[in-house]
C-alpha atoms as a PDB file:
ATOM      1  CA  UNK A   1      26.731  20.835  22.668  1.00  0.00           C
ATOM      2  CA  UNK A   2      26.272  24.400  21.175  1.00  0.00           C
ATOM      3  CA  UNK A   3      28.366  23.907  18.311  1.00  0.00           C
ATOM      4  CA  UNK A   4      26.314  20.523  17.708  1.00  0.00           C
ATOM      5  CA  UNK A   5      23.393  22.223  17.836  1.00  0.00           C
ATOM      6  CA  UNK A   6      24.583  24.745  15.202  1.00  0.00           C
ATOM      7  CA  UNK A   7      25.638  22.118  13.020  1.00  0.00           C
ATOM      8  CA  UNK A   8      22.344  20.358  13.497  1.00  0.00           C
ATOM      9  CA  UNK A   9      20.513  23.823  12.224  1.00  0.00           C
ATOM     10  CA  UNK A  10      22.703  24.230   9.216  1.00  0.00           C
ATOM     11  CA  UNK A  11      22.452  20.727   8.233  1.00  0.00           C
ATOM     12  CA  UNK A  12      18.485  21.321   8.365  1.00  0.00           C
ATOM     13  CA  UNK A  13      18.236  24.445   6.152  1.00  0.00           C
ATOM     14  CA  UNK A  14      19.127  22.482   3.224  1.00  0.00           C
ATOM     15  CA  UNK A  15      15.741  20.660   3.551  1.00  0.00           C
ATOM     16  CA  UNK A  16      13.784  23.733   3.742  1.00  0.00           C
ATOM     17  CA  UNK A  17      11.277  23.994   0.805  1.00  0.00           C
ATOM     18  CA  UNK A  18      11.383  26.848  -1.250  1.00  0.00           C
ATOM     19  CA  UNK A  19       8.603  29.263  -1.233  1.00  0.00           C
ATOM     20  CA  UNK A  20       5.902  28.594  -3.764  1.00  0.00           C
ATOM     21  CA  UNK A  21       5.325  31.175  -6.491  1.00  0.00           C
ATOM     22  CA  UNK A  22       2.683  33.468  -6.636  1.00  0.00           C
ATOM     23  CA  UNK A  23       0.318  32.360  -9.162  1.00  0.00           C
ATOM     24  CA  UNK A  24      -2.021  33.882 -11.733  1.00  0.00           C
ATOM     25  CA  UNK A  25      -4.162  30.840 -12.268  1.00  0.00           C
ATOM     26  CA  UNK A  26      -4.582  27.762 -10.676  1.00  0.00           C
ATOM     27  CA  UNK A  27      -5.683  24.784 -12.968  1.00  0.00           C
ATOM     28  CA  UNK A  28      -6.808  22.568 -10.291  1.00  0.00           C
ATOM     29  CA  UNK A  29      -7.023  19.191 -11.395  1.00  0.00           C
ATOM     30  CA  UNK A  30      -7.238  19.059 -14.651  1.00  0.00           C
ATOM     31  CA  UNK A  31      -9.484  16.456 -16.447  1.00  0.00           C
ATOM     32  CA  UNK A  32      -9.687  17.001 -20.243  1.00  0.00           C
ATOM     33  CA  UNK A  33      -8.619  20.434 -21.654  1.00  0.00           C
ATOM     34  CA  UNK A  34      -8.152  23.807 -19.591  1.00  0.00           C
ATOM     35  CA  UNK A  35      -7.215  27.126 -20.763  1.00  0.00           C
ATOM     36  CA  UNK A  36      -6.080  30.600 -19.667  1.00  0.00           C
ATOM     37  CA  UNK A  37      -5.320  33.888 -21.533  1.00  0.00           C
ATOM     38  CA  UNK A  38      -3.762  37.055 -20.121  1.00  0.00           C
ATOM     39  CA  UNK A  39      -1.023  39.471 -20.973  1.00  0.00           C
ATOM     40  CA  UNK A  40       2.885  39.404 -20.669  1.00  0.00           C
ATOM     41  CA  UNK A  41       3.199  43.228 -20.186  1.00  0.00           C
ATOM     42  CA  UNK A  42       6.878  43.811 -18.959  1.00  0.00           C
ATOM     43  CA  UNK A  43      10.740  42.978 -19.437  1.00  0.00           C
ATOM     44  CA  UNK A  44      11.952  40.068 -17.483  1.00  0.00           C
ATOM     45  CA  UNK A  45       8.018  38.929 -16.374  1.00  0.00           C
ATOM     46  CA  UNK A  46       7.778  35.405 -15.243  1.00  0.00           C
ATOM     47  CA  UNK A  47       4.179  34.324 -15.004  1.00  0.00           C
ATOM     48  CA  UNK A  48       3.099  31.426 -13.000  1.00  0.00           C
ATOM     49  CA  UNK A  49       0.419  28.761 -13.015  1.00  0.00           C
ATOM     50  CA  UNK A  50      -0.250  25.670 -10.595  1.00  0.00           C
ATOM     51  CA  UNK A  51      -2.098  22.774 -11.811  1.00  0.00           C
ATOM     52  CA  UNK A  52      -2.777  19.165  -9.784  1.00  0.00           C
ATOM     53  CA  UNK A  53      -1.959  15.704 -11.476  1.00  0.00           C
ATOM     54  CA  UNK A  54      -4.339  13.351 -10.080  1.00  0.00           C
ATOM     55  CA  UNK A  55      -3.314   9.581  -9.771  1.00  0.00           C
ATOM     56  CA  UNK A  56      -4.167   7.719 -12.685  1.00  0.00           C
ATOM     57  CA  UNK A  57      -3.796  10.431 -15.200  1.00  0.00           C
ATOM     58  CA  UNK A  58      -2.171   8.758 -18.590  1.00  0.00           C
ATOM     59  CA  UNK A  59      -0.936  12.103 -20.230  1.00  0.00           C
ATOM     60  CA  UNK A  60      -0.235  15.881 -19.377  1.00  0.00           C
ATOM     61  CA  UNK A  61       0.204  18.080 -22.287  1.00  0.00           C
ATOM     62  CA  UNK A  62       1.118  21.779 -21.678  1.00  0.00           C
ATOM     63  CA  UNK A  63       1.277  24.015 -24.378  1.00  0.00           C
ATOM     64  CA  UNK A  64       1.626  27.759 -24.971  1.00  0.00           C
ATOM     65  CA  UNK A  65       0.787  30.647 -27.690  1.00  0.00           C
ATOM     66  CA  UNK A  66       2.102  33.724 -27.514  1.00  0.00           C
ATOM     67  CA  UNK A  67       0.147  35.808 -30.377  1.00  0.00           C
ATOM     68  CA  UNK A  68       3.165  37.965 -30.913  1.00  0.00           C
ATOM     69  CA  UNK A  69       6.330  36.599 -28.736  1.00  0.00           C
ATOM     70  CA  UNK A  70       8.501  33.892 -28.596  1.00  0.00           C
ATOM     71  CA  UNK A  71       7.254  31.925 -25.225  1.00  0.00           C
ATOM     72  CA  UNK A  72       9.607  29.809 -23.260  1.00  0.00           C
ATOM     73  CA  UNK A  73       7.866  27.150 -20.032  1.00  0.00           C
ATOM     74  CA  UNK A  74       9.131  25.356 -17.436  1.00  0.00           C
ATOM     75  CA  UNK A  75       7.270  22.920 -15.160  1.00  0.00           C
ATOM     76  CA  UNK A  76       8.623  22.702 -11.272  1.00  0.00           C
ATOM     77  CA  UNK A  77       7.148  20.389  -8.706  1.00  0.00           C
ATOM     78  CA  UNK A  78       5.696  21.755  -5.402  1.00  0.00           C
ATOM     79  CA  UNK A  79       9.362  21.533  -3.816  1.00  0.00           C
ATOM     80  CA  UNK A  80      10.746  23.924  -6.474  1.00  0.00           C
ATOM     81  CA  UNK A  81      12.691  21.305  -8.344  1.00  0.00           C
ATOM     82  CA  UNK A  82      12.518  21.789 -12.381  1.00  0.00           C
ATOM     83  CA  UNK A  83      11.190  18.655 -14.097  1.00  0.00           C
ATOM     84  CA  UNK A  84      11.799  20.308 -17.553  1.00  0.00           C
ATOM     85  CA  UNK A  85      11.795  23.226 -19.596  1.00  0.00           C
ATOM     86  CA  UNK A  86      10.960  24.144 -23.438  1.00  0.00           C
ATOM     87  CA  UNK A  87      11.632  26.875 -25.966  1.00  0.00           C
ATOM     88  CA  UNK A  88      10.638  25.954 -29.282  1.00  0.00           C
ATOM     89  CA  UNK A  89       8.969  22.374 -29.497  1.00  0.00           C
ATOM     90  CA  UNK A  90       5.197  23.730 -29.950  1.00  0.00           C
ATOM     91  CA  UNK A  91       4.118  25.371 -33.394  1.00  0.00           C
ATOM     92  CA  UNK A  92       6.144  28.157 -34.651  1.00  0.00           C
ATOM     93  CA  UNK A  93       8.453  29.671 -31.459  1.00  0.00           C
ATOM     94  CA  UNK A  94       5.587  28.373 -29.426  1.00  0.00           C
ATOM     95  CA  UNK A  95       6.165  25.798 -26.111  1.00  0.00           C
ATOM     96  CA  UNK A  96       5.136  22.699 -25.466  1.00  0.00           C
ATOM     97  CA  UNK A  97       5.772  19.849 -22.943  1.00  0.00           C
ATOM     98  CA  UNK A  98       4.002  16.400 -23.148  1.00  0.00           C
ATOM     99  CA  UNK A  99       4.101  13.400 -20.915  1.00  0.00           C
ATOM    100  CA  UNK A 100       2.699   9.893 -20.331  1.00  0.00           C
ATOM    101  CA  UNK A 101       0.939   8.758 -23.532  1.00  0.00           C
ATOM    102  CA  UNK A 102       0.232  12.443 -24.700  1.00  0.00           C
ATOM    103  CA  UNK A 103      -2.788  13.407 -26.416  1.00  0.00           C
ATOM    104  CA  UNK A 104      -1.803  12.718 -29.652  1.00  0.00           C
ATOM    105  CA  UNK A 105      -2.875  16.294 -30.963  1.00  0.00           C
ATOM    106  CA  UNK A 106      -0.938  18.022 -33.271  1.00  0.00           C
ATOM    107  CA  UNK A 107       0.946  20.491 -30.664  1.00  0.00           C
ATOM    108  CA  UNK A 108       4.140  21.413 -32.543  1.00  0.00           C
ATOM    109  CA  UNK A 109       5.306  22.024 -36.208  1.00  0.00           C
ATOM    110  CA  UNK A 110       6.031  18.331 -38.297  1.00  0.00           C
ATOM    111  CA  UNK A 111       9.861  18.814 -37.164  1.00  0.00           C
ATOM    112  CA  UNK A 112       9.358  18.917 -33.395  1.00  0.00           C
ATOM    113  CA  UNK A 113       8.076  16.534 -31.012  1.00  0.00           C
ATOM    114  CA  UNK A 114       9.690  13.515 -32.059  1.00  0.00           C
ATOM    115  CA  UNK A 115       9.663  14.472 -35.963  1.00  0.00           C
ATOM    116  CA  UNK A 116       5.845  14.463 -36.283  1.00  0.00           C
ATOM    117  CA  UNK A 117       4.332  17.404 -34.217  1.00  0.00           C
ATOM    118  CA  UNK A 118       2.440  15.392 -32.450  1.00  0.00           C
ATOM    119  CA  UNK A 119       2.108  15.284 -28.544  1.00  0.00           C
ATOM    120  CA  UNK A 120       3.044  11.310 -27.637  1.00  0.00           C
ATOM    121  CA  UNK A 121       5.019  11.927 -24.573  1.00  0.00           C
ATOM    122  CA  UNK A 122       8.439  13.147 -25.637  1.00  0.00           C
ATOM    123  CA  UNK A 123       9.229  14.517 -22.473  1.00  0.00           C
ATOM    124  CA  UNK A 124       8.855  10.911 -20.752  1.00  0.00           C
ATOM    125  CA  UNK A 125       6.500   9.529 -18.333  1.00  0.00           C
ATOM    126  CA  UNK A 126       4.036  10.991 -16.002  1.00  0.00           C
ATOM    127  CA  UNK A 127       5.446  13.138 -13.355  1.00  0.00           C
ATOM    128  CA  UNK A 128       3.238  11.663 -10.710  1.00  0.00           C
ATOM    129  CA  UNK A 129       0.297  12.755  -8.730  1.00  0.00           C
ATOM    130  CA  UNK A 130       0.922  16.250  -7.033  1.00  0.00           C
ATOM    131  CA  UNK A 131       0.992  20.031  -7.385  1.00  0.00           C
ATOM    132  CA  UNK A 132       3.003  21.518 -10.152  1.00  0.00           C
ATOM    133  CA  UNK A 133       3.820  25.162 -11.021  1.00  0.00           C
ATOM    134  CA  UNK A 134       4.391  26.427 -14.463  1.00  0.00           C
ATOM    135  CA  UNK A 135       6.540  29.421 -15.845  1.00  0.00           C
ATOM    136  CA  UNK A 136       5.706  31.138 -18.719  1.00  0.00           C
ATOM    137  CA  UNK A 137       7.956  33.825 -20.138  1.00  0.00           C
ATOM    138  CA  UNK A 138       9.732  35.271 -23.235  1.00  0.00           C
ATOM    139  CA  UNK A 139      13.030  34.363 -24.921  1.00  0.00           C
ATOM    140  CA  UNK A 140      15.490  34.323 -23.243  1.00  0.00           C
ATOM    141  CA  UNK A 141      14.491  32.560 -20.206  1.00  0.00           C
ATOM    142  CA  UNK A 142      16.807  30.548 -17.817  1.00  0.00           C
ATOM    143  CA  UNK A 143      14.851  27.930 -15.778  1.00  0.00           C
ATOM    144  CA  UNK A 144      17.182  26.786 -12.564  1.00  0.00           C
ATOM    145  CA  UNK A 145      16.654  23.426 -11.310  1.00  0.00           C
ATOM    146  CA  UNK A 146      15.613  24.739  -7.758  1.00  0.00           C
ATOM    147  CA  UNK A 147      13.955  26.838  -5.943  1.00  0.00           C
ATOM    148  CA  UNK A 148      11.486  28.105  -8.473  1.00  0.00           C
ATOM    149  CA  UNK A 149      14.570  30.295  -9.932  1.00  0.00           C
ATOM    150  CA  UNK A 150      13.629  31.532 -13.029  1.00  0.00           C
ATOM    151  CA  UNK A 151      15.115  34.457 -14.621  1.00  0.00           C
ATOM    152  CA  UNK A 152      14.228  35.924 -18.287  1.00  0.00           C
ATOM    153  CA  UNK A 153      15.938  39.024 -20.135  1.00  0.00           C
ATOM    154  CA  UNK A 154      12.939  38.763 -22.700  1.00  0.00           C
ATOM    155  CA  UNK A 155      11.096  42.435 -23.268  1.00  0.00           C
ATOM    156  CA  UNK A 156       7.108  42.628 -23.192  1.00  0.00           C
ATOM    157  CA  UNK A 157       5.641  40.057 -25.278  1.00  0.00           C
ATOM    158  CA  UNK A 158       1.531  40.681 -25.228  1.00  0.00           C
ATOM    159  CA  UNK A 159      -1.300  38.349 -25.444  1.00  0.00           C
ATOM    160  CA  UNK A 160      -0.758  34.775 -24.436  1.00  0.00           C
ATOM    161  CA  UNK A 161      -2.982  31.298 -24.242  1.00  0.00           C
ATOM    162  CA  UNK A 162      -1.800  28.493 -21.816  1.00  0.00           C
ATOM    163  CA  UNK A 163      -3.531  25.107 -22.385  1.00  0.00           C
ATOM    164  CA  UNK A 164      -3.189  21.990 -20.258  1.00  0.00           C
ATOM    165  CA  UNK A 165      -4.643  18.521 -21.280  1.00  0.00           C
ATOM    166  CA  UNK A 166      -4.688  15.636 -19.035  1.00  0.00           C
ATOM    167  CA  UNK A 167      -6.945  12.919 -18.123  1.00  0.00           C
ATOM    168  CA  UNK A 168      -8.211  10.903 -15.285  1.00  0.00           C
ATOM    169  CA  UNK A 169      -9.983   7.489 -15.848  1.00  0.00           C
ATOM    170  CA  UNK A 170     -13.264   7.607 -13.971  1.00  0.00           C
ATOM    171  CA  UNK A 171     -13.424   5.183 -11.012  1.00  0.00           C
ATOM    172  CA  UNK A 172     -16.572   3.356 -12.664  1.00  0.00           C
ATOM    173  CA  UNK A 173     -14.305   2.673 -15.669  1.00  0.00           C
ATOM    174  CA  UNK A 174     -11.531   1.674 -13.537  1.00  0.00           C
ATOM    175  CA  UNK A 175     -13.951  -0.675 -11.839  1.00  0.00           C
ATOM    176  CA  UNK A 176     -15.096  -2.134 -15.028  1.00  0.00           C
ATOM    177  CA  UNK A 177     -11.403  -2.781 -16.473  1.00  0.00           C
ATOM    178  CA  UNK A 178     -11.226  -4.769 -13.014  1.00  0.00           C
ATOM    179  CA  UNK A 179     -14.014  -6.735 -13.446  1.00  0.00           C
ATOM    180  CA  UNK A 180     -13.109  -7.380 -17.221  1.00  0.00           C
ATOM    181  CA  UNK A 181      -9.650  -8.556 -15.905  1.00  0.00           C
ATOM    182  CA  UNK A 182     -11.383 -11.012 -13.865  1.00  0.00           C
ATOM    183  CA  UNK A 183     -13.437 -12.436 -16.598  1.00  0.00           C
ATOM    184  CA  UNK A 184     -10.490 -13.038 -18.922  1.00  0.00           C
ATOM    185  CA  UNK A 185      -8.623 -14.550 -16.203  1.00  0.00           C
ATOM    186  CA  UNK A 186     -11.356 -16.869 -15.321  1.00  0.00           C
ATOM    187  CA  UNK A 187     -11.932 -18.083 -18.439  1.00  0.00           C
ATOM    188  CA  UNK A 188      -8.361 -19.287 -18.718  1.00  0.00           C
END
């Protein structure tokens, strides 16, 4: 009995979610564009942000701009699993992630982001509604696949800006789309 209880407890440890990182800024639910500027001030520093993706969003683009340093960013789910990371898909040595349809904005050099520099969902479909955590650091950063585990050997970097773009169709727009579909269906 004791052995079975001990095995059950050990087996259950694998399902414990990682402690969520302390964030310097919470973007909340982004609808449009939101930016945050700060300073990367220490060797090995990893700076965390949180954001919420709403149901119905069709794109998510995240870009970093370090005024004097090579940025790296990684996006994590609320359970601590890595979605994806980027080193240099932005402009110069900056980082950019783009999901869904993308904004279509020029967020990368012409040889990045699909070869045209435009944010067009190169990182795949939307990751889904929920809370996400973004890690920012300086090159050379390792984004481990679980546990919000991020390590960096980069020195202090200086000023940075993180910009997040996302959209959520307004409920009235969704209702009009549904009404339009009914009209089209009725005409046939």
